[in-house]
Amino acid sequence: MKAPAFWYAPPSAPGLRARLLAPLGALYAWGTARRLASTTGYRAGVPVICIGNVNAGGTGKTPTAIAIAEWFAEKKIAAHVVTRGYGGRLMGPVAVDTEQHGAGDVGDEPLLLVAFAPVWVAKDRKAGVEAAEAAGAEIILLDDGLQNPAVQKDLSIVVVDAVMGFGNGRVIPAGPLREPLKQGLTRADFVLSIGNEAAQTLFSKSWGHAVDAPHTTAHLEILATGMPWAGLRVLAFAGIGYPEKFFATLRGLGAELVRAEALSDHQPLTPALMARLDQEAKTLGAQLVTTEKDAVRLPGTFRQKVLTLPVRLKFDDPGLIDAHLAPLMKR
């Protein structure tokens, strides 16, 4: 689903809908707090890193997980990812195999992550962690799960989009937060905001006073593929947390966006939808373009027709990341 616009109104002027829904938000927050207090969680025999968020929706967890998986791979440490597999039908635990599984089986994000580390899809996080341990994981990256107490964490990272921040600062359904910000950040070892320099300045101005956990930054870099984006007429579509960020990136590369189709996060790319977009692109004389995450959901007949824009996360202070991750290798 698409996030309601009022979720991202300034906290100082949340609007009538947010105020009316505030009692339901308080109830949601109470439920989260009660769930977190209900169990001590499974203690894995290897370190567990939670890459989570306080916001509902996309904040950049997947590129963060990829970057951390690569950090451990460089040091010859076997990191495995455990994820719910949002949108997939399999309950798991199951090891993701691109030869056997599609997005309908395991969700889209696991199909991206498995190129960088073994991935386990499990609706039951404890079962997923146990399966990863049995398969030889030396480090476990828990994709999401900050609000899930089933597994104890050795390091918890809260990921946030620097432009969107924490929205209006209210809890679902009055705002985008899964729990009150202060409560969520008490379990964070550090906050990672993702965005360019201007976005980071905006984030610090809007939320610096509220973030009392250690804070570091990162940005997304476009992988050089040799594709001449400048002047290319494109019909772009994206079913991610914040599609406009993807569209802005294409504009920044000099592409001519003749059409920008914002889809719901994880929205299925049905043959009917893709046939419509393909026909529109032909009519407009444009090239279809999407994100890596969306590309794994494409019907097979359209994969050769759509370009992707690959990006990777880069930490602005790698030394701080090293300082947090290196001690885990000695546990």
C-alpha atoms as a PDB file:
ATOM      1  CA  MET A   1       0.000   0.000   0.000  1.00  0.00           C
ATOM      2  CA  LYS A   2       1.049   3.603  -0.516  1.00  0.00           C
ATOM      3  CA  ALA A   3       1.722   5.643   2.600  1.00  0.00           C
ATOM      4  CA  PRO A   4      -0.914   8.339   3.228  1.00  0.00           C
ATOM      5  CA  ALA A   5       0.411  11.818   2.499  1.00  0.00           C
ATOM      6  CA  PHE A   6      -0.518  13.079   5.971  1.00  0.00           C
ATOM      7  CA  TRP A   7       1.988  10.633   7.504  1.00  0.00           C
ATOM      8  CA  TYR A   8       4.739  12.919   6.234  1.00  0.00           C
ATOM      9  CA  ALA A   9       3.301  16.265   7.253  1.00  0.00           C
ATOM     10  CA  PRO A  10       5.605  18.288   9.548  1.00  0.00           C
ATOM     11  CA  PRO A  11       5.400  17.062  13.160  1.00  0.00           C
ATOM     12  CA  SER A  12       4.490  20.611  14.186  1.00  0.00           C
ATOM     13  CA  ALA A  13       1.395  20.538  11.928  1.00  0.00           C
ATOM     14  CA  PRO A  14       0.188  16.920  11.770  1.00  0.00           C
ATOM     15  CA  GLY A  15      -3.301  17.731  10.503  1.00  0.00           C
ATOM     16  CA  LEU A  16      -6.765  16.646  11.560  1.00  0.00           C
ATOM     17  CA  ARG A  17      -6.531  13.004  10.389  1.00  0.00           C
ATOM     18  CA  ALA A  18      -3.384  12.389  12.394  1.00  0.00           C
ATOM     19  CA  ARG A  19      -4.920  13.898  15.511  1.00  0.00           C
ATOM     20  CA  LEU A  20      -8.122  11.882  15.125  1.00  0.00           C
ATOM     21  CA  LEU A  21      -6.155   8.662  14.660  1.00  0.00           C
ATOM     22  CA  ALA A  22      -3.786   9.344  17.559  1.00  0.00           C
ATOM     23  CA  PRO A  23      -5.757   7.130  20.032  1.00  0.00           C
ATOM     24  CA  LEU A  24      -5.428   4.178  17.632  1.00  0.00           C
ATOM     25  CA  GLY A  25      -1.734   4.963  17.327  1.00  0.00           C
ATOM     26  CA  ALA A  26      -1.432   4.800  21.107  1.00  0.00           C
ATOM     27  CA  LEU A  27      -3.145   1.400  21.066  1.00  0.00           C
ATOM     28  CA  TYR A  28      -0.776   0.163  18.334  1.00  0.00           C
ATOM     29  CA  ALA A  29       2.221   1.394  20.357  1.00  0.00           C
ATOM     30  CA  TRP A  30       0.898  -0.376  23.455  1.00  0.00           C
ATOM     31  CA  GLY A  31       0.613  -3.627  21.487  1.00  0.00           C
ATOM     32  CA  THR A  32       4.182  -3.320  20.228  1.00  0.00           C
ATOM     33  CA  ALA A  33       5.526  -2.622  23.707  1.00  0.00           C
ATOM     34  CA  ARG A  34       3.600  -5.559  25.148  1.00  0.00           C
ATOM     35  CA  ARG A  35       4.944  -7.902  22.468  1.00  0.00           C
ATOM     36  CA  LEU A  36       8.519  -6.767  23.071  1.00  0.00           C
ATOM     37  CA  ALA A  37       8.144  -7.435  26.797  1.00  0.00           C
ATOM     38  CA  SER A  38       6.606 -10.871  26.295  1.00  0.00           C
ATOM     39  CA  THR A  39       9.790 -12.922  25.808  1.00  0.00           C
ATOM     40  CA  THR A  40      13.542 -12.784  26.270  1.00  0.00           C
ATOM     41  CA  GLY A  41      14.115 -14.278  22.822  1.00  0.00           C
ATOM     42  CA  TYR A  42      16.354 -17.033  21.481  1.00  0.00           C
ATOM     43  CA  ARG A  43      20.083 -16.564  22.055  1.00  0.00           C
ATOM     44  CA  ALA A  44      21.926 -17.711  18.938  1.00  0.00           C
ATOM     45  CA  GLY A  45      25.342 -19.303  19.111  1.00  0.00           C
ATOM     46  CA  VAL A  46      26.683 -16.724  16.642  1.00  0.00           C
ATOM     47  CA  PRO A  47      26.338 -12.924  16.596  1.00  0.00           C
ATOM     48  CA  VAL A  48      23.053 -11.510  15.282  1.00  0.00           C
ATOM     49  CA  ILE A  49      22.871  -8.082  13.650  1.00  0.00           C
ATOM     50  CA  CYS A  50      19.403  -6.572  13.303  1.00  0.00           C
ATOM     51  CA  ILE A  51      18.975  -4.208  10.364  1.00  0.00           C
ATOM     52  CA  GLY A  52      15.639  -2.666  11.215  1.00  0.00           C
ATOM     53  CA  ASN A  53      13.618   0.502  11.239  1.00  0.00           C
ATOM     54  CA  VAL A  54      11.113   2.416  13.287  1.00  0.00           C
ATOM     55  CA  ASN A  55       9.175   3.468  10.177  1.00  0.00           C
ATOM     56  CA  ALA A  56       6.841   1.191   8.283  1.00  0.00           C
ATOM     57  CA  GLY A  57       7.813   0.858   4.638  1.00  0.00           C
ATOM     58  CA  GLY A  58      11.067   1.187   2.767  1.00  0.00           C
ATOM     59  CA  THR A  59      13.927   3.001   4.463  1.00  0.00           C
ATOM     60  CA  GLY A  60      16.942   1.353   2.858  1.00  0.00           C
ATOM     61  CA  LYS A  61      17.291  -1.857   4.861  1.00  0.00           C
ATOM     62  CA  THR A  62      18.045  -4.030   1.826  1.00  0.00           C
ATOM     63  CA  PRO A  63      20.999  -1.977   0.488  1.00  0.00           C
ATOM     64  CA  THR A  64      22.267  -1.751   4.078  1.00  0.00           C
ATOM     65  CA  ALA A  65      22.107  -5.530   4.463  1.00  0.00           C
ATOM     66  CA  ILE A  66      23.948  -5.933   1.157  1.00  0.00           C
ATOM     67  CA  ALA A  67      26.686  -3.514   2.246  1.00  0.00           C
ATOM     68  CA  ILE A  68      27.172  -5.290   5.580  1.00  0.00           C
ATOM     69  CA  ALA A  69      27.131  -8.725   3.926  1.00  0.00           C
ATOM     70  CA  GLU A  70      29.887  -7.509   1.600  1.00  0.00           C
ATOM     71  CA  TRP A  71      31.850  -6.167   4.608  1.00  0.00           C
ATOM     72  CA  PHE A  72      31.915  -9.639   6.157  1.00  0.00           C
ATOM     73  CA  ALA A  73      32.547 -11.377   2.820  1.00  0.00           C
ATOM     74  CA  GLU A  74      35.726  -9.327   2.378  1.00  0.00           C
ATOM     75  CA  LYS A  75      36.906 -10.724   5.726  1.00  0.00           C
ATOM     76  CA  LYS A  76      35.998 -14.314   4.786  1.00  0.00           C
ATOM     77  CA  ILE A  77      33.262 -14.438   7.431  1.00  0.00           C
ATOM     78  CA  ALA A  78      30.157 -16.445   6.464  1.00  0.00           C
ATOM     79  CA  ALA A  79      27.251 -14.055   6.957  1.00  0.00           C
ATOM     80  CA  HIS A  80      23.735 -15.394   6.345  1.00  0.00           C
ATOM     81  CA  VAL A  81      20.591 -13.270   6.036  1.00  0.00           C
ATOM     82  CA  VAL A  82      17.323 -14.204   7.752  1.00  0.00           C
ATOM     83  CA  THR A  83      14.217 -12.416   6.502  1.00  0.00           C
ATOM     84  CA  ARG A  84      10.428 -12.740   6.563  1.00  0.00           C
ATOM     85  CA  GLY A  85      10.228 -12.690   2.782  1.00  0.00           C
ATOM     86  CA  TYR A  86       7.461 -10.109   2.620  1.00  0.00           C
ATOM     87  CA  GLY A  87       4.975 -10.933  -0.122  1.00  0.00           C
ATOM     88  CA  GLY A  88       6.111 -14.539  -0.493  1.00  0.00           C
ATOM     89  CA  ARG A  89       3.905 -17.550   0.150  1.00  0.00           C
ATOM     90  CA  LEU A  90       6.525 -19.844   1.719  1.00  0.00           C
ATOM     91  CA  MET A  91       6.558 -19.986   5.514  1.00  0.00           C
ATOM     92  CA  GLY A  92      10.040 -21.483   5.760  1.00  0.00           C
ATOM     93  CA  PRO A  93      12.599 -21.756   6.964  1.00  0.00           C
ATOM     94  CA  VAL A  94      13.799 -22.208   3.406  1.00  0.00           C
ATOM     95  CA  ALA A  95      17.119 -21.393   1.764  1.00  0.00           C
ATOM     96  CA  VAL A  96      16.471 -19.049  -1.155  1.00  0.00           C
ATOM     97  CA  ASP A  97      17.438 -20.480  -4.544  1.00  0.00           C
ATOM     98  CA  THR A  98      16.894 -18.319  -7.616  1.00  0.00           C
ATOM     99  CA  GLU A  99      16.647 -21.458  -9.754  1.00  0.00           C
ATOM    100  CA  GLN A 100      13.660 -22.662  -7.757  1.00  0.00           C
ATOM    101  CA  HIS A 101      12.083 -19.580  -6.204  1.00  0.00           C
ATOM    102  CA  GLY A 102      10.404 -16.489  -7.577  1.00  0.00           C
ATOM    103  CA  ALA A 103       9.084 -13.374  -5.882  1.00  0.00           C
ATOM    104  CA  GLY A 104       5.741 -15.099  -5.340  1.00  0.00           C
ATOM    105  CA  ASP A 105       7.519 -17.756  -3.277  1.00  0.00           C
ATOM    106  CA  VAL A 106       9.942 -15.751  -1.156  1.00  0.00           C
ATOM    107  CA  GLY A 107       9.290 -12.057  -1.874  1.00  0.00           C
ATOM    108  CA  ASP A 108      11.424  -9.680  -3.904  1.00  0.00           C
ATOM    109  CA  GLU A 109      14.104  -8.570  -1.424  1.00  0.00           C
ATOM    110  CA  PRO A 110      15.480 -12.088  -0.760  1.00  0.00           C
ATOM    111  CA  LEU A 111      16.073 -12.509  -4.483  1.00  0.00           C
ATOM    112  CA  LEU A 112      18.316  -9.432  -4.382  1.00  0.00           C
ATOM    113  CA  LEU A 113      20.084 -10.372  -1.161  1.00  0.00           C
ATOM    114  CA  VAL A 114      20.953 -13.926  -2.214  1.00  0.00           C
ATOM    115  CA  ALA A 115      23.454 -12.602  -4.761  1.00  0.00           C
ATOM    116  CA  PHE A 116      25.580 -11.440  -1.814  1.00  0.00           C
ATOM    117  CA  ALA A 117      24.985 -14.011   0.953  1.00  0.00           C
ATOM    118  CA  PRO A 118      22.931 -17.123   1.711  1.00  0.00           C
ATOM    119  CA  VAL A 119      19.363 -16.073   2.546  1.00  0.00           C
ATOM    120  CA  TRP A 120      16.806 -17.830   4.710  1.00  0.00           C
ATOM    121  CA  VAL A 121      13.135 -16.941   4.462  1.00  0.00           C
ATOM    122  CA  ALA A 122      11.258 -17.717   7.655  1.00  0.00           C
ATOM    123  CA  LYS A 123       8.070 -16.248   9.067  1.00  0.00           C
ATOM    124  CA  ASP A 124       9.318 -17.628  12.407  1.00  0.00           C
ATOM    125  CA  ARG A 125      12.554 -15.674  12.995  1.00  0.00           C
ATOM    126  CA  LYS A 126      13.873 -18.117  15.609  1.00  0.00           C
ATOM    127  CA  ALA A 127      13.457 -21.047  13.202  1.00  0.00           C
ATOM    128  CA  GLY A 128      15.219 -19.063  10.482  1.00  0.00           C
ATOM    129  CA  VAL A 129      18.168 -18.257  12.726  1.00  0.00           C
ATOM    130  CA  GLU A 130      18.457 -21.875  13.827  1.00  0.00           C
ATOM    131  CA  ALA A 131      18.452 -23.012  10.185  1.00  0.00           C
ATOM    132  CA  ALA A 132      21.191 -20.511   9.328  1.00  0.00           C
ATOM    133  CA  GLU A 133      23.282 -21.663  12.291  1.00  0.00           C
ATOM    134  CA  ALA A 134      22.908 -25.301  11.246  1.00  0.00           C
ATOM    135  CA  ALA A 135      24.050 -24.376   7.724  1.00  0.00           C
ATOM    136  CA  GLY A 136      27.290 -22.835   9.006  1.00  0.00           C
ATOM    137  CA  ALA A 137      26.493 -19.149   9.446  1.00  0.00           C
ATOM    138  CA  GLU A 138      29.183 -17.309  11.416  1.00  0.00           C
ATOM    139  CA  ILE A 139      27.211 -14.054  11.493  1.00  0.00           C
ATOM    140  CA  ILE A 140      23.454 -13.629  11.036  1.00  0.00           C
ATOM    141  CA  LEU A 141      21.957 -10.494   9.496  1.00  0.00           C
ATOM    142  CA  LEU A 142      18.359 -10.159  10.599  1.00  0.00           C
ATOM    143  CA  ASP A 143      16.589  -8.222   7.851  1.00  0.00           C
ATOM    144  CA  ASP A 144      14.011  -6.213   9.819  1.00  0.00           C
ATOM    145  CA  GLY A 145      12.935  -7.456  13.238  1.00  0.00           C
ATOM    146  CA  LEU A 146      13.611  -4.487  15.509  1.00  0.00           C
ATOM    147  CA  GLN A 147      10.085  -4.928  16.896  1.00  0.00           C
ATOM    148  CA  ASN A 148      10.310  -8.747  16.943  1.00  0.00           C
ATOM    149  CA  PRO A 149      11.543 -10.181  20.269  1.00  0.00           C
ATOM    150  CA  ALA A 150      11.912 -13.785  19.083  1.00  0.00           C
ATOM    151  CA  VAL A 151      15.696 -13.504  18.690  1.00  0.00           C
ATOM    152  CA  GLN A 152      18.201 -11.618  20.837  1.00  0.00           C
ATOM    153  CA  LYS A 153      20.372  -9.131  18.948  1.00  0.00           C
ATOM    154  CA  ASP A 154      24.058  -8.346  19.434  1.00  0.00           C
ATOM    155  CA  LEU A 155      23.847  -5.174  17.337  1.00  0.00           C
ATOM    156  CA  SER A 156      20.757  -3.247  16.231  1.00  0.00           C
ATOM    157  CA  ILE A 157      20.845  -0.676  13.445  1.00  0.00           C
ATOM    158  CA  VAL A 158      17.898   1.635  12.806  1.00  0.00           C
ATOM    159  CA  VAL A 159      17.805   2.631   9.145  1.00  0.00           C
ATOM    160  CA  VAL A 160      15.959   5.786   8.058  1.00  0.00           C
ATOM    161  CA  ASP A 161      15.558   7.653   4.783  1.00  0.00           C
ATOM    162  CA  ALA A 162      17.117  11.092   5.330  1.00  0.00           C
ATOM    163  CA  VAL A 163      14.521  12.908   3.215  1.00  0.00           C
ATOM    164  CA  MET A 164      11.435  11.276   4.701  1.00  0.00           C
ATOM    165  CA  GLY A 165      12.816  11.135   8.226  1.00  0.00           C
ATOM    166  CA  PHE A 166      10.309   9.851  10.764  1.00  0.00           C
ATOM    167  CA  GLY A 167       7.357  11.510   9.052  1.00  0.00           C
ATOM    168  CA  ASN A 168       4.980  13.296  11.395  1.00  0.00           C
ATOM    169  CA  GLY A 169       6.485  11.422  14.334  1.00  0.00           C
ATOM    170  CA  ARG A 170       3.288   9.495  15.094  1.00  0.00           C
ATOM    171  CA  VAL A 171       2.505   5.807  15.345  1.00  0.00           C
ATOM    172  CA  ILE A 172       0.436   3.787  12.832  1.00  0.00           C
ATOM    173  CA  PRO A 173      -2.271   4.611  11.736  1.00  0.00           C
ATOM    174  CA  ALA A 174      -1.749   8.258  12.746  1.00  0.00           C
ATOM    175  CA  GLY A 175       1.743   8.247  11.228  1.00  0.00           C
ATOM    176  CA  PRO A 176       4.408   5.962   9.758  1.00  0.00           C
ATOM    177  CA  LEU A 177       6.034   4.730  12.985  1.00  0.00           C
ATOM    178  CA  ARG A 178       5.777   1.164  14.262  1.00  0.00           C
ATOM    179  CA  GLU A 179       6.370   2.396  17.789  1.00  0.00           C
ATOM    180  CA  PRO A 180       7.171   5.725  19.466  1.00  0.00           C
ATOM    181  CA  LEU A 181      10.507   7.005  18.223  1.00  0.00           C
ATOM    182  CA  LYS A 182      12.133   7.313  21.649  1.00  0.00           C
ATOM    183  CA  GLN A 183      11.112   3.765  22.529  1.00  0.00           C
ATOM    184  CA  GLY A 184      12.521   2.358  19.279  1.00  0.00           C
ATOM    185  CA  LEU A 185      15.805   4.215  19.542  1.00  0.00           C
ATOM    186  CA  THR A 186      16.475   2.906  23.045  1.00  0.00           C
ATOM    187  CA  ARG A 187      17.203  -0.475  21.370  1.00  0.00           C
ATOM    188  CA  ALA A 188      19.406   1.014  18.625  1.00  0.00           C
ATOM    189  CA  ASP A 189      23.190   0.786  18.772  1.00  0.00           C
ATOM    190  CA  PHE A 190      23.215   3.421  16.066  1.00  0.00           C
ATOM    191  CA  VAL A 191      20.964   5.185  13.584  1.00  0.00           C
ATOM    192  CA  LEU A 192      21.908   5.115   9.907  1.00  0.00           C
ATOM    193  CA  SER A 193      20.322   7.844   7.779  1.00  0.00           C
ATOM    194  CA  ILE A 194      20.560   7.352   4.024  1.00  0.00           C
ATOM    195  CA  GLY A 195      20.666  10.226   1.556  1.00  0.00           C
ATOM    196  CA  ASN A 196      22.846  12.810  -0.146  1.00  0.00           C
ATOM    197  CA  GLU A 197      24.410  15.780   1.608  1.00  0.00           C
ATOM    198  CA  ALA A 198      21.343  17.998   1.245  1.00  0.00           C
ATOM    199  CA  ALA A 199      19.099  15.239   2.586  1.00  0.00           C
ATOM    200  CA  GLN A 200      21.389  14.676   5.564  1.00  0.00           C
ATOM    201  CA  THR A 201      21.301  18.378   6.379  1.00  0.00           C
ATOM    202  CA  LEU A 202      17.503  18.268   6.285  1.00  0.00           C
ATOM    203  CA  PHE A 203      17.444  15.185   8.511  1.00  0.00           C
ATOM    204  CA  SER A 204      19.752  16.738  11.102  1.00  0.00           C
ATOM    205  CA  LYS A 205      17.682  19.912  11.155  1.00  0.00           C
ATOM    206  CA  SER A 206      14.377  18.062  11.501  1.00  0.00           C
ATOM    207  CA  TRP A 207      15.349  15.116  13.707  1.00  0.00           C
ATOM    208  CA  GLY A 208      18.775  15.740  15.213  1.00  0.00           C
ATOM    209  CA  HIS A 209      17.189  16.818  18.486  1.00  0.00           C
ATOM    210  CA  ALA A 210      15.191  13.572  18.721  1.00  0.00           C
ATOM    211  CA  VAL A 211      17.962  11.105  17.846  1.00  0.00           C
ATOM    212  CA  ASP A 212      19.856  10.441  21.038  1.00  0.00           C
ATOM    213  CA  ALA A 213      21.462   7.224  19.759  1.00  0.00           C
ATOM    214  CA  PRO A 214      24.802   7.390  17.899  1.00  0.00           C
ATOM    215  CA  HIS A 215      24.147   8.565  14.343  1.00  0.00           C
ATOM    216  CA  THR A 216      26.027   7.955  11.115  1.00  0.00           C
ATOM    217  CA  THR A 217      25.221   8.482   7.459  1.00  0.00           C
ATOM    218  CA  ALA A 218      25.372   6.708   4.121  1.00  0.00           C
ATOM    219  CA  HIS A 219      24.384   7.399   0.537  1.00  0.00           C
ATOM    220  CA  LEU A 220      23.478   5.388  -2.540  1.00  0.00           C
ATOM    221  CA  GLU A 221      25.884   5.320  -5.471  1.00  0.00           C
ATOM    222  CA  ILE A 222      24.872   4.298  -8.959  1.00  0.00           C
ATOM    223  CA  LEU A 223      26.860   1.396 -10.343  1.00  0.00           C
ATOM    224  CA  ALA A 224      28.620   2.294 -13.565  1.00  0.00           C
ATOM    225  CA  THR A 225      27.196   0.093 -16.308  1.00  0.00           C
ATOM    226  CA  GLY A 226      28.121   2.221 -19.315  1.00  0.00           C
ATOM    227  CA  MET A 227      24.471   3.081 -19.921  1.00  0.00           C
ATOM    228  CA  PRO A 228      24.168   6.600 -21.427  1.00  0.00           C
ATOM    229  CA  TRP A 229      21.258   7.919 -19.361  1.00  0.00           C
ATOM    230  CA  ALA A 230      21.601  11.565 -20.370  1.00  0.00           C
ATOM    231  CA  GLY A 231      18.870  12.495 -22.850  1.00  0.00           C
ATOM    232  CA  LEU A 232      17.284   9.033 -22.802  1.00  0.00           C
ATOM    233  CA  ARG A 233      13.487   9.155 -22.931  1.00  0.00           C
ATOM    234  CA  VAL A 234      12.227   6.835 -20.223  1.00  0.00           C
ATOM    235  CA  LEU A 235       9.005   5.559 -18.748  1.00  0.00           C
ATOM    236  CA  ALA A 236      10.025   4.785 -15.187  1.00  0.00           C
ATOM    237  CA  PHE A 237       8.031   2.670 -12.751  1.00  0.00           C
ATOM    238  CA  ALA A 238       8.780   1.673  -9.177  1.00  0.00           C
ATOM    239  CA  GLY A 239       7.018  -0.250  -6.418  1.00  0.00           C
ATOM    240  CA  ILE A 240       9.297   0.710  -3.539  1.00  0.00           C
ATOM    241  CA  GLY A 241       8.824   2.670  -0.330  1.00  0.00           C
ATOM    242  CA  TYR A 242       9.441   6.080  -1.906  1.00  0.00           C
ATOM    243  CA  PRO A 243       9.244   5.867  -5.728  1.00  0.00           C
ATOM    244  CA  GLU A 244       9.929   9.594  -6.146  1.00  0.00           C
ATOM    245  CA  LYS A 245      13.479   9.056  -4.901  1.00  0.00           C
ATOM    246  CA  PHE A 246      14.078   6.691  -7.824  1.00  0.00           C
ATOM    247  CA  PHE A 247      12.533   9.121 -10.296  1.00  0.00           C
ATOM    248  CA  ALA A 248      14.670  11.971  -8.927  1.00  0.00           C
ATOM    249  CA  THR A 249      17.794   9.848  -9.393  1.00  0.00           C
ATOM    250  CA  LEU A 250      16.959   9.278 -13.053  1.00  0.00           C
ATOM    251  CA  ARG A 251      16.384  13.004 -13.558  1.00  0.00           C
ATOM    252  CA  GLY A 252      19.701  13.687 -11.887  1.00  0.00           C
ATOM    253  CA  LEU A 253      21.392  11.434 -14.451  1.00  0.00           C
ATOM    254  CA  GLY A 254      19.898  13.560 -17.222  1.00  0.00           C
ATOM    255  CA  ALA A 255      17.221  11.093 -18.320  1.00  0.00           C
ATOM    256  CA  GLU A 256      14.020  12.569 -19.740  1.00  0.00           C
ATOM    257  CA  LEU A 257      11.155  11.172 -17.689  1.00  0.00           C
ATOM    258  CA  VAL A 258       8.206  11.267 -20.035  1.00  0.00           C
ATOM    259  CA  ARG A 259       6.183   9.160 -17.583  1.00  0.00           C
ATOM    260  CA  ALA A 260       6.697   8.180 -13.936  1.00  0.00           C
ATOM    261  CA  GLU A 261       4.459   5.415 -12.553  1.00  0.00           C
ATOM    262  CA  ALA A 262       4.514   5.173  -8.757  1.00  0.00           C
ATOM    263  CA  LEU A 263       3.318   1.740  -7.640  1.00  0.00           C
ATOM    264  CA  SER A 264       2.627   0.410  -4.162  1.00  0.00           C
ATOM    265  CA  ASP A 265       5.560  -1.109  -2.291  1.00  0.00           C
ATOM    266  CA  HIS A 266       6.037  -4.748  -3.416  1.00  0.00           C
ATOM    267  CA  GLN A 267       3.118  -4.423  -5.886  1.00  0.00           C
ATOM    268  CA  PRO A 268       2.892  -7.464  -8.177  1.00  0.00           C
ATOM    269  CA  LEU A 269       3.963  -6.681 -11.744  1.00  0.00           C
ATOM    270  CA  THR A 270       1.215  -8.603 -13.466  1.00  0.00           C
ATOM    271  CA  PRO A 271       1.315  -9.332 -17.203  1.00  0.00           C
ATOM    272  CA  ALA A 272      -1.658  -6.963 -17.639  1.00  0.00           C
ATOM    273  CA  LEU A 273       0.100  -4.090 -15.849  1.00  0.00           C
ATOM    274  CA  MET A 274       3.326  -4.641 -17.757  1.00  0.00           C
ATOM    275  CA  ALA A 275       1.487  -4.874 -21.087  1.00  0.00           C
ATOM    276  CA  ARG A 276      -0.085  -1.476 -20.365  1.00  0.00           C
ATOM    277  CA  LEU A 277       3.245   0.105 -19.423  1.00  0.00           C
ATOM    278  CA  ASP A 278       4.930  -1.463 -22.454  1.00  0.00           C
ATOM    279  CA  GLN A 279       2.281  -0.056 -24.790  1.00  0.00           C
ATOM    280  CA  GLU A 280       2.538   3.395 -23.181  1.00  0.00           C
ATOM    281  CA  ALA A 281       6.318   3.318 -23.577  1.00  0.00           C
ATOM    282  CA  LYS A 282       6.015   2.440 -27.260  1.00  0.00           C
ATOM    283  CA  THR A 283       3.495   5.229 -27.815  1.00  0.00           C
ATOM    284  CA  LEU A 284       5.774   7.744 -26.087  1.00  0.00           C
ATOM    285  CA  GLY A 285       8.929   6.463 -27.749  1.00  0.00           C
ATOM    286  CA  ALA A 286      10.397   5.719 -24.319  1.00  0.00           C
ATOM    287  CA  GLN A 287      12.469   3.017 -22.660  1.00  0.00           C
ATOM    288  CA  LEU A 288      11.011   1.147 -19.675  1.00  0.00           C
ATOM    289  CA  VAL A 289      13.186   1.536 -16.560  1.00  0.00           C
ATOM    290  CA  THR A 290      12.787   0.240 -13.012  1.00  0.00           C
ATOM    291  CA  THR A 291      14.682  -0.532  -9.814  1.00  0.00           C
ATOM    292  CA  GLU A 292      16.606  -3.715  -9.044  1.00  0.00           C
ATOM    293  CA  LYS A 293      14.010  -4.667  -6.446  1.00  0.00           C
ATOM    294  CA  ASP A 294      11.163  -4.299  -8.933  1.00  0.00           C
ATOM    295  CA  ALA A 295      13.067  -6.115 -11.661  1.00  0.00           C
ATOM    296  CA  VAL A 296      12.996  -9.427  -9.785  1.00  0.00           C
ATOM    297  CA  ARG A 297       9.176  -9.321  -9.917  1.00  0.00           C
ATOM    298  CA  LEU A 298       8.991  -8.857 -13.688  1.00  0.00           C
ATOM    299  CA  PRO A 299       7.185 -11.512 -15.733  1.00  0.00           C
ATOM    300  CA  GLY A 300       9.737 -13.467 -17.754  1.00  0.00           C
ATOM    301  CA  THR A 301       8.512 -12.115 -21.086  1.00  0.00           C
ATOM    302  CA  PHE A 302       9.308  -8.534 -20.032  1.00  0.00           C
ATOM    303  CA  ARG A 303      12.773  -8.932 -18.506  1.00  0.00           C
ATOM    304  CA  GLN A 304      14.558  -8.165 -21.756  1.00  0.00           C
ATOM    305  CA  LYS A 305      12.433  -5.067 -22.340  1.00  0.00           C
ATOM    306  CA  VAL A 306      13.159  -3.256 -19.049  1.00  0.00           C
ATOM    307  CA  LEU A 307      16.386  -1.553 -17.977  1.00  0.00           C
ATOM    308  CA  THR A 308      17.348  -1.455 -14.306  1.00  0.00           C
ATOM    309  CA  LEU A 309      19.279   1.191 -12.406  1.00  0.00           C
ATOM    310  CA  PRO A 310      21.618  -0.619  -9.978  1.00  0.00           C
ATOM    311  CA  VAL A 311      22.740   1.207  -6.832  1.00  0.00           C
ATOM    312  CA  ARG A 312      24.910   0.303  -3.841  1.00  0.00           C
ATOM    313  CA  LEU A 313      25.078   1.804  -0.381  1.00  0.00           C
ATOM    314  CA  LYS A 314      28.291   3.558   0.687  1.00  0.00           C
ATOM    315  CA  PHE A 315      28.988   4.444   4.312  1.00  0.00           C
ATOM    316  CA  ASP A 316      30.183   8.013   4.788  1.00  0.00           C
ATOM    317  CA  ASP A 317      32.224   7.001   7.854  1.00  0.00           C
ATOM    318  CA  PRO A 318      33.512   3.453   7.215  1.00  0.00           C
ATOM    319  CA  GLY A 319      35.650   3.645  10.345  1.00  0.00           C
ATOM    320  CA  LEU A 320      32.579   3.858  12.568  1.00  0.00           C
ATOM    321  CA  ILE A 321      31.064   0.840  10.827  1.00  0.00           C
ATOM    322  CA  ASP A 322      34.308  -1.067  11.318  1.00  0.00           C
ATOM    323  CA  ALA A 323      34.284  -0.166  15.012  1.00  0.00           C
ATOM    324  CA  HIS A 324      30.796  -1.645  15.437  1.00  0.00           C
ATOM    325  CA  LEU A 325      31.214  -4.755  13.284  1.00  0.00           C
ATOM    326  CA  ALA A 326      34.771  -5.885  14.008  1.00  0.00           C
ATOM    327  CA  PRO A 327      34.161  -6.837  17.683  1.00  0.00           C
ATOM    328  CA  LEU A 328      31.406  -9.238  16.606  1.00  0.00           C
ATOM    329  CA  MET A 329      33.952 -11.427  14.830  1.00  0.00           C
ATOM    330  CA  LYS A 330      35.587 -12.140  18.211  1.00  0.00           C
ATOM    331  CA  ARG A 331      32.409 -13.195  20.031  1.00  0.00           C
END
